[in-house]
Amino acid sequence: VLARIRPAFEQLAAAHLGQRILIVAHWTVNRIWLCHLLGYPIAAYRSRVGQDLTALNMLRYVCRHDESPVFSVVSMNDTSHLR
């Protein structure tokens, strides 16, 4: 799964530098991507990353000319919009 989503997410982010985009994905995709970004073993995605239904994850993508592009997790599993 990571081999398929990583290039897609990186291409979307790079194509929209300086903009906000929304990616809607399934529970497993979200948990595997977050494990990858947080440095957790991908095999542990079920136990290491929680994802409630309709949860929002906010990521930041920074691309500097002298460094490789980097994703960082700003917030994870946010369900405050349901209150």
PDB file of N, CA and C in Angstrom:
ATOM      1  N   VAL A   1       0.836  -1.194   0.000  1.00  0.00           N
ATOM      2  CA  VAL A   1       0.000   0.000   0.000  1.00  0.00           C
ATOM      3  C   VAL A   1       0.873   1.247   0.000  1.00  0.00           C
ATOM      4  N   LEU A   2       1.902   1.267   0.829  1.00  0.00           N
ATOM      5  CA  LEU A   2       2.780   2.440   0.893  1.00  0.00           C
ATOM      6  C   LEU A   2       3.450   2.711  -0.446  1.00  0.00           C
ATOM      7  N   ALA A   3       3.846   1.659  -1.142  1.00  0.00           N
ATOM      8  CA  ALA A   3       4.495   1.834  -2.453  1.00  0.00           C
ATOM      9  C   ALA A   3       3.565   2.497  -3.460  1.00  0.00           C
ATOM     10  N   ARG A   4       2.259   2.324  -3.298  1.00  0.00           N
ATOM     11  CA  ARG A   4       1.296   2.951  -4.220  1.00  0.00           C
ATOM     12  C   ARG A   4       0.927   4.371  -3.788  1.00  0.00           C
ATOM     13  N   ILE A   5       0.755   4.587  -2.476  1.00  0.00           N
ATOM     14  CA  ILE A   5       0.272   5.905  -2.042  1.00  0.00           C
ATOM     15  C   ILE A   5       1.376   6.946  -1.926  1.00  0.00           C
ATOM     16  N   ARG A   6       2.577   6.528  -1.601  1.00  0.00           N
ATOM     17  CA  ARG A   6       3.655   7.506  -1.409  1.00  0.00           C
ATOM     18  C   ARG A   6       3.876   8.375  -2.643  1.00  0.00           C
ATOM     19  N   PRO A   7       4.070   7.792  -3.835  1.00  0.00           N
ATOM     20  CA  PRO A   7       4.272   8.655  -5.007  1.00  0.00           C
ATOM     21  C   PRO A   7       3.066   9.550  -5.292  1.00  0.00           C
ATOM     22  N   ALA A   8       1.885   9.022  -5.087  1.00  0.00           N
ATOM     23  CA  ALA A   8       0.677   9.819  -5.354  1.00  0.00           C
ATOM     24  C   ALA A   8       0.592  11.007  -4.405  1.00  0.00           C
ATOM     25  N   PHE A   9       0.793  10.777  -3.111  1.00  0.00           N
ATOM     26  CA  PHE A   9       0.719  11.872  -2.136  1.00  0.00           C
ATOM     27  C   PHE A   9       1.836  12.883  -2.368  1.00  0.00           C
ATOM     28  N   GLU A  10       3.025  12.409  -2.673  1.00  0.00           N
ATOM     29  CA  GLU A  10       4.143  13.323  -2.925  1.00  0.00           C
ATOM     30  C   GLU A  10       3.907  14.158  -4.180  1.00  0.00           C
ATOM     31  N   GLN A  11       3.360  13.558  -5.228  1.00  0.00           N
ATOM     32  CA  GLN A  11       3.074  14.308  -6.454  1.00  0.00           C
ATOM     33  C   GLN A  11       1.978  15.347  -6.223  1.00  0.00           C
ATOM     34  N   LEU A  12       0.938  14.975  -5.489  1.00  0.00           N
ATOM     35  CA  LEU A  12      -0.129  15.942  -5.188  1.00  0.00           C
ATOM     36  C   LEU A  12       0.415  17.119  -4.389  1.00  0.00           C
ATOM     37  N   ALA A  13       1.194  16.829  -3.371  1.00  0.00           N
ATOM     38  CA  ALA A  13       1.744  17.904  -2.544  1.00  0.00           C
ATOM     39  C   ALA A  13       2.670  18.810  -3.361  1.00  0.00           C
ATOM     40  N   ALA A  14       3.531  18.225  -4.149  1.00  0.00           N
ATOM     41  CA  ALA A  14       4.473  19.015  -4.958  1.00  0.00           C
ATOM     42  C   ALA A  14       3.758  19.864  -5.998  1.00  0.00           C
ATOM     43  N   ALA A  15       2.651  19.380  -6.512  1.00  0.00           N
ATOM     44  CA  ALA A  15       1.900  20.122  -7.532  1.00  0.00           C
ATOM     45  C   ALA A  15       1.114  21.287  -6.948  1.00  0.00           C
ATOM     46  N   HIS A  16       0.991  21.323  -5.627  1.00  0.00           N
ATOM     47  CA  HIS A  16       0.172  22.361  -4.979  1.00  0.00           C
ATOM     48  C   HIS A  16       0.945  23.069  -3.866  1.00  0.00           C
ATOM     49  N   LEU A  17       2.213  23.331  -4.098  1.00  0.00           N
ATOM     50  CA  LEU A  17       3.027  24.018  -3.098  1.00  0.00           C
ATOM     51  C   LEU A  17       2.390  25.352  -2.712  1.00  0.00           C
ATOM     52  N   GLY A  18       2.347  25.625  -1.430  1.00  0.00           N
ATOM     53  CA  GLY A  18       1.779  26.874  -0.947  1.00  0.00           C
ATOM     54  C   GLY A  18       0.264  26.893  -0.893  1.00  0.00           C
ATOM     55  N   GLN A  19      -0.363  25.795  -1.248  1.00  0.00           N
ATOM     56  CA  GLN A  19      -1.818  25.706  -1.233  1.00  0.00           C
ATOM     57  C   GLN A  19      -2.259  24.661  -0.212  1.00  0.00           C
ATOM     58  N   ARG A  20      -3.522  24.720   0.125  1.00  0.00           N
ATOM     59  CA  ARG A  20      -4.112  23.678   0.958  1.00  0.00           C
ATOM     60  C   ARG A  20      -4.882  22.731   0.056  1.00  0.00           C
ATOM     61  N   ILE A  21      -4.682  21.444   0.289  1.00  0.00           N
ATOM     62  CA  ILE A  21      -5.430  20.453  -0.476  1.00  0.00           C
ATOM     63  C   ILE A  21      -6.063  19.465   0.498  1.00  0.00           C
ATOM     64  N   LEU A  22      -7.087  18.808   0.037  1.00  0.00           N
ATOM     65  CA  LEU A  22      -7.779  17.798   0.831  1.00  0.00           C
ATOM     66  C   LEU A  22      -7.654  16.468   0.105  1.00  0.00           C
ATOM     67  N   ILE A  23      -7.176  15.472   0.812  1.00  0.00           N
ATOM     68  CA  ILE A  23      -7.110  14.124   0.272  1.00  0.00           C
ATOM     69  C   ILE A  23      -8.018  13.260   1.144  1.00  0.00           C
ATOM     70  N   VAL A  24      -8.966  12.615   0.528  1.00  0.00           N
ATOM     71  CA  VAL A  24      -9.866  11.718   1.244  1.00  0.00           C
ATOM     72  C   VAL A  24      -9.401  10.297   0.974  1.00  0.00           C
ATOM     73  N   ALA A  25      -9.140   9.565   2.046  1.00  0.00           N
ATOM     74  CA  ALA A  25      -8.614   8.208   1.880  1.00  0.00           C
ATOM     75  C   ALA A  25      -9.238   7.287   2.925  1.00  0.00           C
ATOM     76  N   HIS A  26      -9.049   6.021   2.696  1.00  0.00           N
ATOM     77  CA  HIS A  26      -9.569   5.009   3.607  1.00  0.00           C
ATOM     78  C   HIS A  26      -8.713   4.909   4.866  1.00  0.00           C
ATOM     79  N   TRP A  27      -9.306   4.321   5.865  1.00  0.00           N
ATOM     80  CA  TRP A  27      -8.721   4.141   7.184  1.00  0.00           C
ATOM     81  C   TRP A  27      -7.323   3.521   7.107  1.00  0.00           C
ATOM     82  N   THR A  28      -7.178   2.430   6.395  1.00  0.00           N
ATOM     83  CA  THR A  28      -5.893   1.743   6.306  1.00  0.00           C
ATOM     84  C   THR A  28      -4.855   2.603   5.609  1.00  0.00           C
ATOM     85  N   VAL A  29      -5.230   3.257   4.541  1.00  0.00           N
ATOM     86  CA  VAL A  29      -4.304   4.155   3.831  1.00  0.00           C
ATOM     87  C   VAL A  29      -3.806   5.230   4.792  1.00  0.00           C
ATOM     88  N   ASN A  30      -4.711   5.844   5.531  1.00  0.00           N
ATOM     89  CA  ASN A  30      -4.319   6.902   6.470  1.00  0.00           C
ATOM     90  C   ASN A  30      -3.340   6.378   7.516  1.00  0.00           C
ATOM     91  N   ARG A  31      -3.653   5.231   8.096  1.00  0.00           N
ATOM     92  CA  ARG A  31      -2.802   4.699   9.164  1.00  0.00           C
ATOM     93  C   ARG A  31      -1.426   4.296   8.637  1.00  0.00           C
ATOM     94  N   ILE A  32      -1.361   3.708   7.455  1.00  0.00           N
ATOM     95  CA  ILE A  32      -0.062   3.327   6.896  1.00  0.00           C
ATOM     96  C   ILE A  32       0.763   4.561   6.558  1.00  0.00           C
ATOM     97  N   TRP A  33       0.130   5.570   5.971  1.00  0.00           N
ATOM     98  CA  TRP A  33       0.856   6.810   5.635  1.00  0.00           C
ATOM     99  C   TRP A  33       1.374   7.499   6.902  1.00  0.00           C
ATOM    100  N   LEU A  34       0.541   7.559   7.934  1.00  0.00           N
ATOM    101  CA  LEU A  34       0.964   8.188   9.178  1.00  0.00           C
ATOM    102  C   LEU A  34       2.091   7.403   9.846  1.00  0.00           C
ATOM    103  N   CYS A  35       2.028   6.068   9.839  1.00  0.00           N
ATOM    104  CA  CYS A  35       3.131   5.263  10.373  1.00  0.00           C
ATOM    105  C   CYS A  35       4.427   5.586   9.646  1.00  0.00           C
ATOM    106  N   HIS A  36       4.345   5.667   8.347  1.00  0.00           N
ATOM    107  CA  HIS A  36       5.528   5.998   7.552  1.00  0.00           C
ATOM    108  C   HIS A  36       6.096   7.360   7.961  1.00  0.00           C
ATOM    109  N   LEU A  37       5.244   8.359   8.057  1.00  0.00           N
ATOM    110  CA  LEU A  37       5.705   9.710   8.388  1.00  0.00           C
ATOM    111  C   LEU A  37       6.249   9.810   9.808  1.00  0.00           C
ATOM    112  N   LEU A  38       5.666   9.050  10.720  1.00  0.00           N
ATOM    113  CA  LEU A  38       6.085   9.104  12.123  1.00  0.00           C
ATOM    114  C   LEU A  38       7.232   8.152  12.446  1.00  0.00           C
ATOM    115  N   GLY A  39       7.640   7.351  11.465  1.00  0.00           N
ATOM    116  CA  GLY A  39       8.757   6.443  11.682  1.00  0.00           C
ATOM    117  C   GLY A  39       8.392   5.164  12.405  1.00  0.00           C
ATOM    118  N   TYR A  40       7.119   4.842  12.460  1.00  0.00           N
ATOM    119  CA  TYR A  40       6.682   3.592  13.091  1.00  0.00           C
ATOM    120  C   TYR A  40       6.800   2.455  12.079  1.00  0.00           C
ATOM    121  N   PRO A  41       6.970   1.234  12.555  1.00  0.00           N
ATOM    122  CA  PRO A  41       6.973   0.098  11.620  1.00  0.00           C
ATOM    123  C   PRO A  41       5.630  -0.001  10.901  1.00  0.00           C
ATOM    124  N   ILE A  42       5.644  -0.147   9.613  1.00  0.00           N
ATOM    125  CA  ILE A  42       4.405  -0.218   8.833  1.00  0.00           C
ATOM    126  C   ILE A  42       3.564  -1.414   9.277  1.00  0.00           C
ATOM    127  N   ALA A  43       4.213  -2.507   9.623  1.00  0.00           N
ATOM    128  CA  ALA A  43       3.484  -3.705  10.050  1.00  0.00           C
ATOM    129  C   ALA A  43       2.662  -3.469  11.316  1.00  0.00           C
ATOM    130  N   ALA A  44       2.980  -2.424  12.058  1.00  0.00           N
ATOM    131  CA  ALA A  44       2.271  -2.129  13.305  1.00  0.00           C
ATOM    132  C   ALA A  44       1.193  -1.067  13.126  1.00  0.00           C
ATOM    133  N   TYR A  45       0.780  -0.800  11.889  1.00  0.00           N
ATOM    134  CA  TYR A  45      -0.161   0.300  11.643  1.00  0.00           C
ATOM    135  C   TYR A  45      -1.467   0.151  12.408  1.00  0.00           C
ATOM    136  N   ARG A  46      -1.921  -1.076  12.643  1.00  0.00           N
ATOM    137  CA  ARG A  46      -3.193  -1.270  13.360  1.00  0.00           C
ATOM    138  C   ARG A  46      -3.092  -0.875  14.830  1.00  0.00           C
ATOM    139  N   SER A  47      -1.947  -1.084  15.424  1.00  0.00           N
ATOM    140  CA  SER A  47      -1.804  -0.810  16.854  1.00  0.00           C
ATOM    141  C   SER A  47      -1.169   0.543  17.158  1.00  0.00           C
ATOM    142  N   ARG A  48      -0.421   1.113  16.233  1.00  0.00           N
ATOM    143  CA  ARG A  48       0.327   2.340  16.526  1.00  0.00           C
ATOM    144  C   ARG A  48      -0.412   3.626  16.202  1.00  0.00           C
ATOM    145  N   VAL A  49      -1.347   3.568  15.245  1.00  0.00           N
ATOM    146  CA  VAL A  49      -2.025   4.798  14.816  1.00  0.00           C
ATOM    147  C   VAL A  49      -3.531   4.592  14.840  1.00  0.00           C
ATOM    148  N   GLY A  50      -4.207   5.380  15.666  1.00  0.00           N
ATOM    149  CA  GLY A  50      -5.663   5.340  15.711  1.00  0.00           C
ATOM    150  C   GLY A  50      -6.270   6.261  14.674  1.00  0.00           C
ATOM    151  N   GLN A  51      -7.374   5.843  14.121  1.00  0.00           N
ATOM    152  CA  GLN A  51      -8.099   6.673  13.164  1.00  0.00           C
ATOM    153  C   GLN A  51      -9.582   6.432  13.376  1.00  0.00           C
ATOM    154  N   ASP A  52     -10.248   7.413  13.981  1.00  0.00           N
ATOM    155  CA  ASP A  52     -11.691   7.333  14.158  1.00  0.00           C
ATOM    156  C   ASP A  52     -12.378   7.641  12.826  1.00  0.00           C
ATOM    157  N   LEU A  53     -13.625   7.228  12.720  1.00  0.00           N
ATOM    158  CA  LEU A  53     -14.388   7.538  11.509  1.00  0.00           C
ATOM    159  C   LEU A  53     -14.485   9.051  11.344  1.00  0.00           C
ATOM    160  N   THR A  54     -14.319   9.536  10.162  1.00  0.00           N
ATOM    161  CA  THR A  54     -14.340  10.948   9.750  1.00  0.00           C
ATOM    162  C   THR A  54     -13.235  11.793  10.397  1.00  0.00           C
ATOM    163  N   ALA A  55     -12.214  11.161  10.944  1.00  0.00           N
ATOM    164  CA  ALA A  55     -11.116  11.902  11.564  1.00  0.00           C
ATOM    165  C   ALA A  55     -10.340  12.686  10.506  1.00  0.00           C
ATOM    166  N   LEU A  56      -9.799  13.803  10.930  1.00  0.00           N
ATOM    167  CA  LEU A  56      -8.969  14.643  10.059  1.00  0.00           C
ATOM    168  C   LEU A  56      -7.517  14.558  10.517  1.00  0.00           C
ATOM    169  N   ASN A  57      -6.631  14.463   9.557  1.00  0.00           N
ATOM    170  CA  ASN A  57      -5.194  14.519   9.814  1.00  0.00           C
ATOM    171  C   ASN A  57      -4.654  15.699   9.019  1.00  0.00           C
ATOM    172  N   MET A  58      -3.910  16.548   9.670  1.00  0.00           N
ATOM    173  CA  MET A  58      -3.337  17.692   8.968  1.00  0.00           C
ATOM    174  C   MET A  58      -1.827  17.490   8.857  1.00  0.00           C
ATOM    175  N   LEU A  59      -1.350  17.603   7.637  1.00  0.00           N
ATOM    176  CA  LEU A  59       0.071  17.430   7.359  1.00  0.00           C
ATOM    177  C   LEU A  59       0.614  18.701   6.723  1.00  0.00           C
ATOM    178  N   ARG A  60       1.884  18.912   6.900  1.00  0.00           N
ATOM    179  CA  ARG A  60       2.559  20.042   6.258  1.00  0.00           C
ATOM    180  C   ARG A  60       3.626  19.461   5.334  1.00  0.00           C
ATOM    181  N   TYR A  61       3.733  20.029   4.161  1.00  0.00           N
ATOM    182  CA  TYR A  61       4.723  19.600   3.177  1.00  0.00           C
ATOM    183  C   TYR A  61       5.626  20.779   2.902  1.00  0.00           C
ATOM    184  N   VAL A  62       6.894  20.623   3.194  1.00  0.00           N
ATOM    185  CA  VAL A  62       7.855  21.699   2.994  1.00  0.00           C
ATOM    186  C   VAL A  62       8.869  21.252   1.957  1.00  0.00           C
ATOM    187  N   CYS A  63       9.051  22.100   0.971  1.00  0.00           N
ATOM    188  CA  CYS A  63       9.998  21.801  -0.111  1.00  0.00           C
ATOM    189  C   CYS A  63      10.944  22.996  -0.240  1.00  0.00           C
ATOM    190  N   ARG A  64      12.165  22.829   0.248  1.00  0.00           N
ATOM    191  CA  ARG A  64      13.179  23.882   0.142  1.00  0.00           C
ATOM    192  C   ARG A  64      14.155  23.512  -0.966  1.00  0.00           C
ATOM    193  N   HIS A  65      14.630  24.491  -1.664  1.00  0.00           N
ATOM    194  CA  HIS A  65      15.494  24.237  -2.822  1.00  0.00           C
ATOM    195  C   HIS A  65      16.770  23.494  -2.469  1.00  0.00           C
ATOM    196  N   ASP A  66      17.246  23.622  -1.225  1.00  0.00           N
ATOM    197  CA  ASP A  66      18.508  22.994  -0.852  1.00  0.00           C
ATOM    198  C   ASP A  66      18.328  21.684  -0.072  1.00  0.00           C
ATOM    199  N   GLU A  67      17.084  21.234   0.096  1.00  0.00           N
ATOM    200  CA  GLU A  67      16.823  20.023   0.863  1.00  0.00           C
ATOM    201  C   GLU A  67      15.770  19.176   0.167  1.00  0.00           C
ATOM    202  N   SER A  68      15.647  17.945   0.597  1.00  0.00           N
ATOM    203  CA  SER A  68      14.586  17.078   0.092  1.00  0.00           C
ATOM    204  C   SER A  68      13.252  17.507   0.700  1.00  0.00           C
ATOM    205  N   PRO A  69      12.152  17.342  -0.027  1.00  0.00           N
ATOM    206  CA  PRO A  69      10.824  17.665   0.511  1.00  0.00           C
ATOM    207  C   PRO A  69      10.516  16.812   1.739  1.00  0.00           C
ATOM    208  N   VAL A  70       9.804  17.402   2.678  1.00  0.00           N
ATOM    209  CA  VAL A  70       9.511  16.708   3.930  1.00  0.00           C
ATOM    210  C   VAL A  70       8.042  16.926   4.308  1.00  0.00           C
ATOM    211  N   PHE A  71       7.373  15.841   4.693  1.00  0.00           N
ATOM    212  CA  PHE A  71       6.046  15.914   5.293  1.00  0.00           C
ATOM    213  C   PHE A  71       6.215  15.916   6.805  1.00  0.00           C
ATOM    214  N   SER A  72       5.397  16.668   7.502  1.00  0.00           N
ATOM    215  CA  SER A  72       5.352  16.584   8.955  1.00  0.00           C
ATOM    216  C   SER A  72       3.890  16.525   9.388  1.00  0.00           C
ATOM    217  N   VAL A  73       3.644  15.850  10.493  1.00  0.00           N
ATOM    218  CA  VAL A  73       2.291  15.691  11.014  1.00  0.00           C
ATOM    219  C   VAL A  73       1.991  16.872  11.937  1.00  0.00           C
ATOM    220  N   VAL A  74       0.958  17.634  11.601  1.00  0.00           N
ATOM    221  CA  VAL A  74       0.540  18.786  12.406  1.00  0.00           C
ATOM    222  C   VAL A  74      -0.510  18.349  13.421  1.00  0.00           C
ATOM    223  N   SER A  75      -1.502  17.605  12.974  1.00  0.00           N
ATOM    224  CA  SER A  75      -2.507  17.043  13.876  1.00  0.00           C
ATOM    225  C   SER A  75      -2.951  15.699  13.317  1.00  0.00           C
ATOM    226  N   MET A  76      -3.462  14.862  14.217  1.00  0.00           N
ATOM    227  CA  MET A  76      -3.792  13.502  13.826  1.00  0.00           C
ATOM    228  C   MET A  76      -5.061  13.051  14.551  1.00  0.00           C
ATOM    229  N   ASN A  77      -5.927  12.395  13.829  1.00  0.00           N
ATOM    230  CA  ASN A  77      -7.156  11.808  14.376  1.00  0.00           C
ATOM    231  C   ASN A  77      -8.033  12.865  15.046  1.00  0.00           C
ATOM    232  N   ASP A  78      -8.127  14.016  14.460  1.00  0.00           N
ATOM    233  CA  ASP A  78      -8.942  15.114  15.009  1.00  0.00           C
ATOM    234  C   ASP A  78     -10.415  14.885  14.632  1.00  0.00           C
ATOM    235  N   THR A  79     -11.261  14.827  15.630  1.00  0.00           N
ATOM    236  CA  THR A  79     -12.701  14.669  15.411  1.00  0.00           C
ATOM    237  C   THR A  79     -13.496  15.834  16.008  1.00  0.00           C
ATOM    238  N   SER A  80     -12.823  16.942  16.257  1.00  0.00           N
ATOM    239  CA  SER A  80     -13.503  18.084  16.890  1.00  0.00           C
ATOM    240  C   SER A  80     -14.617  18.646  16.021  1.00  0.00           C
ATOM    241  N   HIS A  81     -14.580  18.412  14.722  1.00  0.00           N
ATOM    242  CA  HIS A  81     -15.634  18.914  13.829  1.00  0.00           C
ATOM    243  C   HIS A  81     -16.961  18.187  14.054  1.00  0.00           C
ATOM    244  N   LEU A  82     -16.942  17.101  14.792  1.00  0.00           N
ATOM    245  CA  LEU A  82     -18.173  16.351  15.063  1.00  0.00           C
ATOM    246  C   LEU A  82     -18.927  16.883  16.270  1.00  0.00           C
ATOM    247  N   ARG A  83     -18.317  17.731  17.028  1.00  0.00           N
ATOM    248  CA  ARG A  83     -18.968  18.259  18.259  1.00  0.00           C
ATOM    249  C   ARG A  83     -19.888  19.405  17.935  1.00  0.00           C
TER     250      ARG A  83
END
